Amino acid sequence: MSAKSKSPLISWTKQLESLRTLSLRQPWAWLVVNGYKDIENRSWRTNHRGPLLIHASSTTTTLQADLRRVKNEYGVAVPENLEFGGVVGVVDVIDCVKQSGSRWHFPDSWGWIIANPRRLPFRKCKGTVGFFRLKSH
């Protein structure tokens, strides 16, 4: 049985469109915006606090292995109809730590503590490494 979302679906606004965006591979993007994953692991720290758009990368090279890992290690059966290559939601970055009690935090990584996940209607766009902003339409 697939997991259900724990976060609300909200509408796009002009304010959201101007936010910084971070690209994550699936299924990690789905886990973040649907309220399962409370920390994002990075090799670099951030001073960013506040809202951050989550982009689902179009990369699928590790998808099957990651889906198995999420199910086996975390007990979450991610739905099969994942979206790729666009923005899927928004979260609030509330801290950046080297140690945490989160089961999602990888050792030796910076943990970006995230809260208040909200799903957004999928908006296709190209992602990039690091922070980026959506291009104006």
N, C-alpha and C. Protein backbone atom coordinates (compact mmCIF):
# COMPACT_ATOMS: atom_id res chain seq x y z
N MET A 1 0.84 -1.18 0.00
CA MET A 1 0.00 0.00 0.00
C MET A 1 0.89 1.25 0.00
N SER A 2 0.54 2.19 -0.80
CA SER A 2 1.33 3.42 -0.91
C SER A 2 1.04 4.37 0.24
N ALA A 3 2.05 5.17 0.55
CA ALA A 3 1.92 6.18 1.61
C ALA A 3 1.02 7.31 1.15
N LYS A 4 0.39 7.94 2.11
CA LYS A 4 -0.49 9.10 1.85
C LYS A 4 0.23 10.38 2.24
N SER A 5 -0.17 11.47 1.63
CA SER A 5 0.42 12.76 1.95
C SER A 5 0.01 13.20 3.36
N LYS A 6 0.95 13.82 4.05
CA LYS A 6 0.70 14.39 5.36
C LYS A 6 0.68 15.91 5.29
N SER A 7 0.66 16.46 4.08
CA SER A 7 0.74 17.92 3.93
C SER A 7 -0.37 18.43 3.00
N PRO A 8 -0.75 19.70 3.19
CA PRO A 8 -1.82 20.26 2.36
C PRO A 8 -1.34 20.63 0.96
N LEU A 9 -2.28 20.63 0.03
CA LEU A 9 -2.03 21.13 -1.31
C LEU A 9 -2.43 22.60 -1.33
N ILE A 10 -1.47 23.46 -1.69
CA ILE A 10 -1.75 24.91 -1.73
C ILE A 10 -1.66 25.40 -3.17
N SER A 11 -2.11 26.63 -3.39
CA SER A 11 -2.07 27.24 -4.72
C SER A 11 -0.80 28.07 -4.92
N TRP A 12 -0.41 28.20 -6.18
CA TRP A 12 0.72 29.06 -6.53
C TRP A 12 0.33 30.52 -6.31
N THR A 13 1.31 31.32 -5.83
CA THR A 13 1.14 32.76 -5.69
C THR A 13 2.37 33.45 -6.27
N LYS A 14 2.27 34.73 -6.51
CA LYS A 14 3.43 35.50 -7.01
C LYS A 14 4.58 35.42 -6.00
N GLN A 15 4.25 35.47 -4.72
CA GLN A 15 5.29 35.40 -3.68
C GLN A 15 6.04 34.08 -3.75
N LEU A 16 5.33 32.98 -3.93
CA LEU A 16 5.98 31.67 -4.04
C LEU A 16 6.90 31.61 -5.26
N GLU A 17 6.46 32.19 -6.35
CA GLU A 17 7.25 32.14 -7.59
C GLU A 17 8.60 32.84 -7.47
N SER A 18 8.75 33.73 -6.48
CA SER A 18 10.01 34.48 -6.33
C SER A 18 10.98 33.81 -5.35
N LEU A 19 10.60 32.70 -4.75
CA LEU A 19 11.45 32.06 -3.74
C LEU A 19 12.64 31.33 -4.35
N ARG A 20 13.64 31.10 -3.51
CA ARG A 20 14.74 30.23 -3.87
C ARG A 20 14.19 28.81 -4.04
N THR A 21 14.86 28.05 -4.89
CA THR A 21 14.43 26.69 -5.19
C THR A 21 15.63 25.75 -5.02
N LEU A 22 15.36 24.53 -4.55
CA LEU A 22 16.38 23.51 -4.40
C LEU A 22 15.89 22.24 -5.07
N SER A 23 16.73 21.63 -5.90
CA SER A 23 16.37 20.42 -6.62
C SER A 23 16.80 19.19 -5.82
N LEU A 24 15.87 18.24 -5.69
CA LEU A 24 16.13 16.96 -5.03
C LEU A 24 15.73 15.85 -5.98
N ARG A 25 16.42 14.74 -5.91
CA ARG A 25 16.01 13.58 -6.70
C ARG A 25 14.77 12.96 -6.06
N GLN A 26 14.00 12.28 -6.89
CA GLN A 26 12.90 11.49 -6.35
C GLN A 26 13.48 10.18 -5.84
N PRO A 27 12.98 9.57 -4.80
CA PRO A 27 11.74 9.88 -4.09
C PRO A 27 11.92 10.88 -2.95
N TRP A 28 13.12 11.43 -2.80
CA TRP A 28 13.40 12.33 -1.68
C TRP A 28 12.54 13.59 -1.74
N ALA A 29 12.33 14.15 -2.94
CA ALA A 29 11.48 15.33 -3.07
C ALA A 29 10.06 15.03 -2.60
N TRP A 30 9.53 13.86 -3.00
CA TRP A 30 8.18 13.47 -2.59
C TRP A 30 8.11 13.33 -1.07
N LEU A 31 9.12 12.70 -0.48
CA LEU A 31 9.15 12.49 0.98
C LEU A 31 9.19 13.81 1.73
N VAL A 32 9.91 14.79 1.21
CA VAL A 32 10.01 16.11 1.84
C VAL A 32 8.68 16.85 1.78
N VAL A 33 8.11 16.99 0.59
CA VAL A 33 6.90 17.83 0.47
C VAL A 33 5.64 17.14 0.97
N ASN A 34 5.71 15.84 1.18
CA ASN A 34 4.55 15.12 1.71
C ASN A 34 4.65 14.87 3.21
N GLY A 35 5.65 15.47 3.86
CA GLY A 35 5.71 15.47 5.31
C GLY A 35 6.35 14.27 5.97
N TYR A 36 7.04 13.43 5.23
CA TYR A 36 7.70 12.27 5.83
C TYR A 36 9.12 12.59 6.28
N LYS A 37 9.85 13.30 5.44
CA LYS A 37 11.27 13.58 5.69
C LYS A 37 11.39 14.98 6.28
N ASP A 38 11.97 15.08 7.50
CA ASP A 38 12.04 16.35 8.22
C ASP A 38 13.42 17.01 8.17
N ILE A 39 14.29 16.45 7.34
CA ILE A 39 15.64 16.99 7.24
C ILE A 39 16.17 16.71 5.83
N GLU A 40 16.89 17.65 5.27
CA GLU A 40 17.52 17.46 3.97
C GLU A 40 19.02 17.44 4.18
N ASN A 41 19.68 16.40 3.68
CA ASN A 41 21.11 16.21 3.85
C ASN A 41 21.89 16.85 2.71
N ARG A 42 22.88 17.63 3.09
CA ARG A 42 23.73 18.30 2.10
C ARG A 42 25.18 18.27 2.58
N SER A 43 26.10 18.42 1.64
CA SER A 43 27.53 18.49 2.00
C SER A 43 27.90 19.91 2.42
N TRP A 44 27.00 20.85 2.23
CA TRP A 44 27.25 22.25 2.54
C TRP A 44 26.18 22.80 3.46
N ARG A 45 26.60 23.74 4.30
CA ARG A 45 25.64 24.36 5.22
C ARG A 45 24.97 25.53 4.52
N THR A 46 23.84 25.93 5.09
CA THR A 46 23.14 27.10 4.55
C THR A 46 22.76 28.03 5.69
N ASN A 47 22.76 29.31 5.38
CA ASN A 47 22.25 30.32 6.31
C ASN A 47 20.81 30.67 5.97
N HIS A 48 20.29 30.08 4.90
CA HIS A 48 18.92 30.36 4.48
C HIS A 48 17.94 29.86 5.54
N ARG A 49 17.01 30.71 5.91
CA ARG A 49 15.91 30.34 6.80
C ARG A 49 14.64 30.85 6.15
N GLY A 50 13.59 30.09 6.25
CA GLY A 50 12.32 30.49 5.67
C GLY A 50 11.93 29.58 4.52
N PRO A 51 10.95 30.04 3.72
CA PRO A 51 10.40 29.19 2.66
C PRO A 51 11.42 28.86 1.56
N LEU A 52 11.29 27.64 1.05
CA LEU A 52 12.17 27.14 -0.01
C LEU A 52 11.35 26.23 -0.90
N LEU A 53 11.32 26.53 -2.21
CA LEU A 53 10.63 25.65 -3.15
C LEU A 53 11.42 24.36 -3.34
N ILE A 54 10.71 23.26 -3.50
CA ILE A 54 11.35 21.96 -3.74
C ILE A 54 11.06 21.53 -5.17
N HIS A 55 12.13 21.31 -5.91
CA HIS A 55 12.09 20.88 -7.31
C HIS A 55 12.44 19.39 -7.35
N ALA A 56 11.65 18.62 -8.09
CA ALA A 56 11.94 17.20 -8.29
C ALA A 56 12.79 17.07 -9.55
N SER A 57 14.00 16.61 -9.38
CA SER A 57 14.94 16.45 -10.49
C SER A 57 14.38 15.51 -11.55
N SER A 58 14.87 15.64 -12.77
CA SER A 58 14.47 14.71 -13.82
C SER A 58 15.35 13.46 -13.84
N THR A 59 16.39 13.44 -13.00
CA THR A 59 17.30 12.30 -12.91
C THR A 59 16.62 11.10 -12.28
N THR A 60 16.74 9.94 -12.93
CA THR A 60 16.12 8.72 -12.40
C THR A 60 17.12 7.57 -12.23
N THR A 61 18.41 7.86 -12.32
CA THR A 61 19.42 6.79 -12.31
C THR A 61 19.41 5.94 -11.05
N THR A 62 19.08 6.50 -9.89
CA THR A 62 19.09 5.72 -8.64
C THR A 62 17.68 5.49 -8.10
N LEU A 63 16.65 5.78 -8.90
CA LEU A 63 15.27 5.75 -8.42
C LEU A 63 14.87 4.40 -7.83
N GLN A 64 15.07 3.32 -8.55
CA GLN A 64 14.61 2.01 -8.06
C GLN A 64 15.32 1.61 -6.77
N ALA A 65 16.62 1.84 -6.71
CA ALA A 65 17.38 1.53 -5.49
C ALA A 65 16.90 2.41 -4.33
N ASP A 66 16.65 3.69 -4.59
CA ASP A 66 16.18 4.59 -3.54
C ASP A 66 14.79 4.22 -3.06
N LEU A 67 13.90 3.81 -3.98
CA LEU A 67 12.55 3.39 -3.57
C LEU A 67 12.63 2.16 -2.66
N ARG A 68 13.49 1.20 -3.00
CA ARG A 68 13.67 0.01 -2.15
C ARG A 68 14.23 0.41 -0.79
N ARG A 69 15.22 1.29 -0.80
CA ARG A 69 15.83 1.73 0.46
C ARG A 69 14.80 2.41 1.37
N VAL A 70 13.99 3.30 0.80
CA VAL A 70 12.99 4.03 1.58
C VAL A 70 11.98 3.05 2.18
N LYS A 71 11.58 2.05 1.40
CA LYS A 71 10.62 1.06 1.91
C LYS A 71 11.26 0.18 2.99
N ASN A 72 12.47 -0.30 2.73
CA ASN A 72 13.13 -1.22 3.67
C ASN A 72 13.63 -0.54 4.94
N GLU A 73 14.26 0.63 4.80
CA GLU A 73 14.86 1.30 5.96
C GLU A 73 13.89 2.18 6.73
N TYR A 74 12.93 2.78 6.02
CA TYR A 74 12.05 3.76 6.66
C TYR A 74 10.59 3.34 6.70
N GLY A 75 10.27 2.24 6.02
CA GLY A 75 8.90 1.73 6.05
C GLY A 75 7.89 2.55 5.29
N VAL A 76 8.35 3.32 4.30
CA VAL A 76 7.44 4.15 3.52
C VAL A 76 7.39 3.62 2.08
N ALA A 77 6.19 3.27 1.64
CA ALA A 77 5.99 2.82 0.26
C ALA A 77 5.55 4.04 -0.56
N VAL A 78 6.49 4.63 -1.25
CA VAL A 78 6.25 5.84 -2.04
C VAL A 78 5.38 5.47 -3.26
N PRO A 79 4.40 6.32 -3.60
CA PRO A 79 3.56 6.04 -4.78
C PRO A 79 4.40 5.92 -6.05
N GLU A 80 3.86 5.19 -7.02
CA GLU A 80 4.58 4.98 -8.28
C GLU A 80 4.47 6.16 -9.24
N ASN A 81 3.49 7.03 -9.05
CA ASN A 81 3.25 8.12 -10.00
C ASN A 81 3.98 9.41 -9.61
N LEU A 82 5.28 9.31 -9.39
CA LEU A 82 6.07 10.48 -9.02
C LEU A 82 6.22 11.43 -10.20
N GLU A 83 6.39 12.71 -9.87
CA GLU A 83 6.61 13.73 -10.90
C GLU A 83 8.09 14.06 -10.96
N PHE A 84 8.57 14.36 -12.17
CA PHE A 84 9.98 14.64 -12.41
C PHE A 84 10.13 15.90 -13.24
N GLY A 85 11.20 16.67 -12.95
CA GLY A 85 11.52 17.83 -13.77
C GLY A 85 10.65 19.04 -13.52
N GLY A 86 10.34 19.30 -12.23
CA GLY A 86 9.55 20.47 -11.92
C GLY A 86 9.37 20.66 -10.43
N VAL A 87 8.78 21.79 -10.06
CA VAL A 87 8.55 22.12 -8.66
C VAL A 87 7.32 21.35 -8.16
N VAL A 88 7.48 20.75 -6.97
CA VAL A 88 6.40 19.93 -6.39
C VAL A 88 5.90 20.46 -5.06
N GLY A 89 6.61 21.40 -4.43
CA GLY A 89 6.14 21.90 -3.15
C GLY A 89 7.05 22.95 -2.55
N VAL A 90 6.74 23.30 -1.31
CA VAL A 90 7.50 24.30 -0.56
C VAL A 90 7.60 23.85 0.89
N VAL A 91 8.75 24.13 1.51
CA VAL A 91 8.97 23.84 2.94
C VAL A 91 9.61 25.07 3.57
N ASP A 92 9.66 25.08 4.89
CA ASP A 92 10.38 26.13 5.61
C ASP A 92 11.67 25.54 6.17
N VAL A 93 12.80 26.16 5.86
CA VAL A 93 14.08 25.76 6.45
C VAL A 93 14.17 26.50 7.78
N ILE A 94 14.29 25.73 8.89
CA ILE A 94 14.28 26.37 10.20
C ILE A 94 15.63 26.29 10.93
N ASP A 95 16.54 25.45 10.43
CA ASP A 95 17.86 25.36 11.05
C ASP A 95 18.79 24.54 10.16
N CYS A 96 20.07 24.56 10.48
CA CYS A 96 21.08 23.78 9.76
C CYS A 96 22.05 23.25 10.80
N VAL A 97 22.12 21.91 10.93
CA VAL A 97 22.88 21.30 12.02
C VAL A 97 23.78 20.17 11.51
N LYS A 98 24.77 19.83 12.32
CA LYS A 98 25.64 18.69 12.02
C LYS A 98 25.14 17.41 12.69
N GLN A 99 24.38 17.57 13.77
CA GLN A 99 23.83 16.41 14.48
C GLN A 99 22.36 16.65 14.75
N SER A 100 21.58 15.58 14.67
CA SER A 100 20.16 15.69 14.98
C SER A 100 19.64 14.32 15.40
N GLY A 101 18.45 14.29 15.92
CA GLY A 101 17.82 13.03 16.29
C GLY A 101 16.95 12.46 15.19
N SER A 102 16.94 13.10 14.01
CA SER A 102 16.10 12.64 12.92
C SER A 102 16.63 11.34 12.32
N ARG A 103 15.75 10.41 12.08
CA ARG A 103 16.16 9.15 11.44
C ARG A 103 16.56 9.36 9.99
N TRP A 104 16.22 10.51 9.43
CA TRP A 104 16.55 10.83 8.04
C TRP A 104 17.92 11.50 7.90
N HIS A 105 18.55 11.87 9.01
CA HIS A 105 19.83 12.58 8.96
C HIS A 105 20.98 11.60 8.74
N PHE A 106 21.76 11.86 7.69
CA PHE A 106 22.92 11.02 7.38
C PHE A 106 24.12 11.51 8.18
N PRO A 107 24.91 10.60 8.75
CA PRO A 107 26.12 11.01 9.47
C PRO A 107 27.05 11.80 8.55
N ASP A 108 27.76 12.74 9.14
CA ASP A 108 28.74 13.56 8.41
C ASP A 108 28.13 14.48 7.36
N SER A 109 26.82 14.69 7.40
CA SER A 109 26.17 15.62 6.48
C SER A 109 25.63 16.82 7.25
N TRP A 110 25.49 17.92 6.56
CA TRP A 110 24.76 19.04 7.12
C TRP A 110 23.29 18.70 7.01
N GLY A 111 22.57 18.84 8.09
CA GLY A 111 21.14 18.57 8.09
C GLY A 111 20.35 19.86 8.07
N TRP A 112 19.65 20.10 6.99
CA TRP A 112 18.78 21.26 6.90
C TRP A 112 17.44 20.85 7.49
N ILE A 113 17.12 21.38 8.66
CA ILE A 113 15.87 21.00 9.31
C ILE A 113 14.73 21.74 8.62
N ILE A 114 13.75 20.97 8.19
CA ILE A 114 12.63 21.52 7.44
C ILE A 114 11.32 21.26 8.15
N ALA A 115 10.38 22.17 7.97
CA ALA A 115 9.07 22.09 8.62
C ALA A 115 8.01 22.64 7.69
N ASN A 116 6.76 22.45 8.08
CA ASN A 116 5.62 23.03 7.37
C ASN A 116 5.61 22.70 5.88
N PRO A 117 5.69 21.41 5.52
CA PRO A 117 5.67 21.05 4.09
C PRO A 117 4.30 21.33 3.48
N ARG A 118 4.33 21.87 2.25
CA ARG A 118 3.11 22.12 1.50
C ARG A 118 3.33 21.65 0.08
N ARG A 119 2.39 20.89 -0.46
CA ARG A 119 2.46 20.46 -1.85
C ARG A 119 1.94 21.58 -2.75
N LEU A 120 2.47 21.64 -3.96
CA LEU A 120 2.03 22.61 -4.96
C LEU A 120 1.63 21.86 -6.23
N PRO A 121 0.70 22.41 -7.01
CA PRO A 121 0.45 21.82 -8.32
C PRO A 121 1.76 21.81 -9.10
N PHE A 122 2.07 20.69 -9.72
CA PHE A 122 3.33 20.50 -10.44
C PHE A 122 3.55 21.61 -11.47
N ARG A 123 4.76 22.18 -11.44
CA ARG A 123 5.15 23.20 -12.41
C ARG A 123 6.46 22.77 -13.04
N LYS A 124 6.40 22.35 -14.30
CA LYS A 124 7.59 21.87 -15.00
C LYS A 124 8.60 23.01 -15.18
N CYS A 125 9.85 22.71 -14.88
CA CYS A 125 10.94 23.65 -15.11
C CYS A 125 12.25 22.91 -14.98
N LYS A 126 13.27 23.49 -15.52
CA LYS A 126 14.61 22.90 -15.47
C LYS A 126 15.24 23.24 -14.12
N GLY A 127 15.89 22.27 -13.52
CA GLY A 127 16.59 22.49 -12.26
C GLY A 127 18.08 22.64 -12.46
N THR A 128 18.78 22.90 -11.37
CA THR A 128 20.23 23.02 -11.41
C THR A 128 20.77 22.69 -10.03
N VAL A 129 22.06 22.57 -9.90
CA VAL A 129 22.70 22.29 -8.62
C VAL A 129 22.71 23.56 -7.77
N GLY A 130 22.48 23.41 -6.48
CA GLY A 130 22.46 24.56 -5.58
C GLY A 130 21.13 25.30 -5.66
N PHE A 131 21.10 26.46 -5.03
CA PHE A 131 19.89 27.28 -5.08
C PHE A 131 19.71 27.87 -6.47
N PHE A 132 18.46 27.98 -6.90
CA PHE A 132 18.16 28.69 -8.14
C PHE A 132 16.77 29.31 -8.00
N ARG A 133 16.45 30.18 -8.94
CA ARG A 133 15.12 30.82 -8.94
C ARG A 133 14.40 30.44 -10.22
N LEU A 134 13.09 30.39 -10.15
CA LEU A 134 12.29 30.07 -11.32
C LEU A 134 12.41 31.20 -12.34
N LYS A 135 12.40 30.85 -13.59
CA LYS A 135 12.44 31.85 -14.65
C LYS A 135 11.04 32.46 -14.79
N SER A 136 10.98 33.74 -15.07
CA SER A 136 9.69 34.42 -15.27
C SER A 136 9.01 33.88 -16.52
N HIS A 137 7.71 33.78 -16.45
CA HIS A 137 6.94 33.28 -17.59
C HIS A 137 6.59 34.40 -18.54
